Amino acid sequence: MAADTAIFVSKRLQRAAFAVLCLIAAQFVLASCEPEPSPMAARVGTLGGY
């Protein structure tokens, strides 16, 4: 009985750990993408000389 419970818990923990690792990997992928310049930043850059 205890072994069955341990196996069930470990399977659930494996799924949770895999989900967390996927989220961390997605964060790294999104962080590596270069952000597009926002229109407001472009306007401030062009109006800085005035």
Protein backbone atom coordinates (compact mmCIF):
# COMPACT_ATOMS: atom_id res chain seq x y z
CA MET A 1 0.00 0.00 0.00
CA ALA A 2 2.75 2.46 0.92
CA ALA A 3 4.67 1.59 -2.24
CA ASP A 4 1.61 2.27 -4.39
CA THR A 5 1.15 5.64 -2.70
CA ALA A 6 4.82 6.53 -3.20
CA ILE A 7 4.66 5.63 -6.89
CA PHE A 8 1.47 7.69 -7.34
CA VAL A 9 3.00 10.71 -5.60
CA SER A 10 6.24 10.42 -7.55
CA LYS A 11 4.31 10.33 -10.85
CA ARG A 12 2.44 13.48 -9.84
CA LEU A 13 5.69 15.15 -8.80
CA GLN A 14 7.31 14.18 -12.09
CA ARG A 15 4.49 15.87 -14.00
CA ALA A 16 4.71 18.97 -11.83
CA ALA A 17 8.49 19.14 -12.16
CA PHE A 18 8.23 18.74 -15.93
CA ALA A 19 5.66 21.55 -16.10
CA VAL A 20 7.90 23.84 -14.05
CA LEU A 21 10.90 23.07 -16.26
CA CYS A 22 8.83 23.82 -19.36
CA LEU A 23 7.78 27.17 -17.90
CA ILE A 24 11.38 28.04 -17.06
CA ALA A 25 12.49 27.09 -20.58
CA ALA A 26 9.70 29.23 -22.06
CA GLN A 27 10.86 32.19 -19.95
CA PHE A 28 14.41 31.80 -21.28
CA VAL A 29 13.16 31.61 -24.85
CA LEU A 30 11.00 34.70 -24.44
CA ALA A 31 13.81 36.59 -22.70
CA SER A 32 16.22 35.80 -25.52
CA CYS A 33 13.92 37.39 -28.12
CA GLU A 34 14.74 41.01 -28.77
CA PRO A 35 11.81 43.24 -27.82
CA GLU A 36 10.30 45.45 -30.47
CA PRO A 37 10.77 49.16 -29.85
CA SER A 38 7.56 50.72 -28.66
CA PRO A 39 6.08 53.69 -30.57
CA MET A 40 6.38 55.88 -27.47
CA ALA A 41 10.09 55.14 -27.14
CA ALA A 42 10.56 55.97 -30.83
CA ARG A 43 8.74 59.29 -30.37
CA VAL A 44 10.75 60.23 -27.32
CA GLY A 45 13.95 59.42 -29.21
CA THR A 46 12.98 61.68 -32.14
CA LEU A 47 11.67 64.52 -29.97
CA GLY A 48 14.68 64.53 -27.66
CA GLY A 49 16.43 67.23 -29.72
CA TYR A 50 13.60 69.78 -29.41
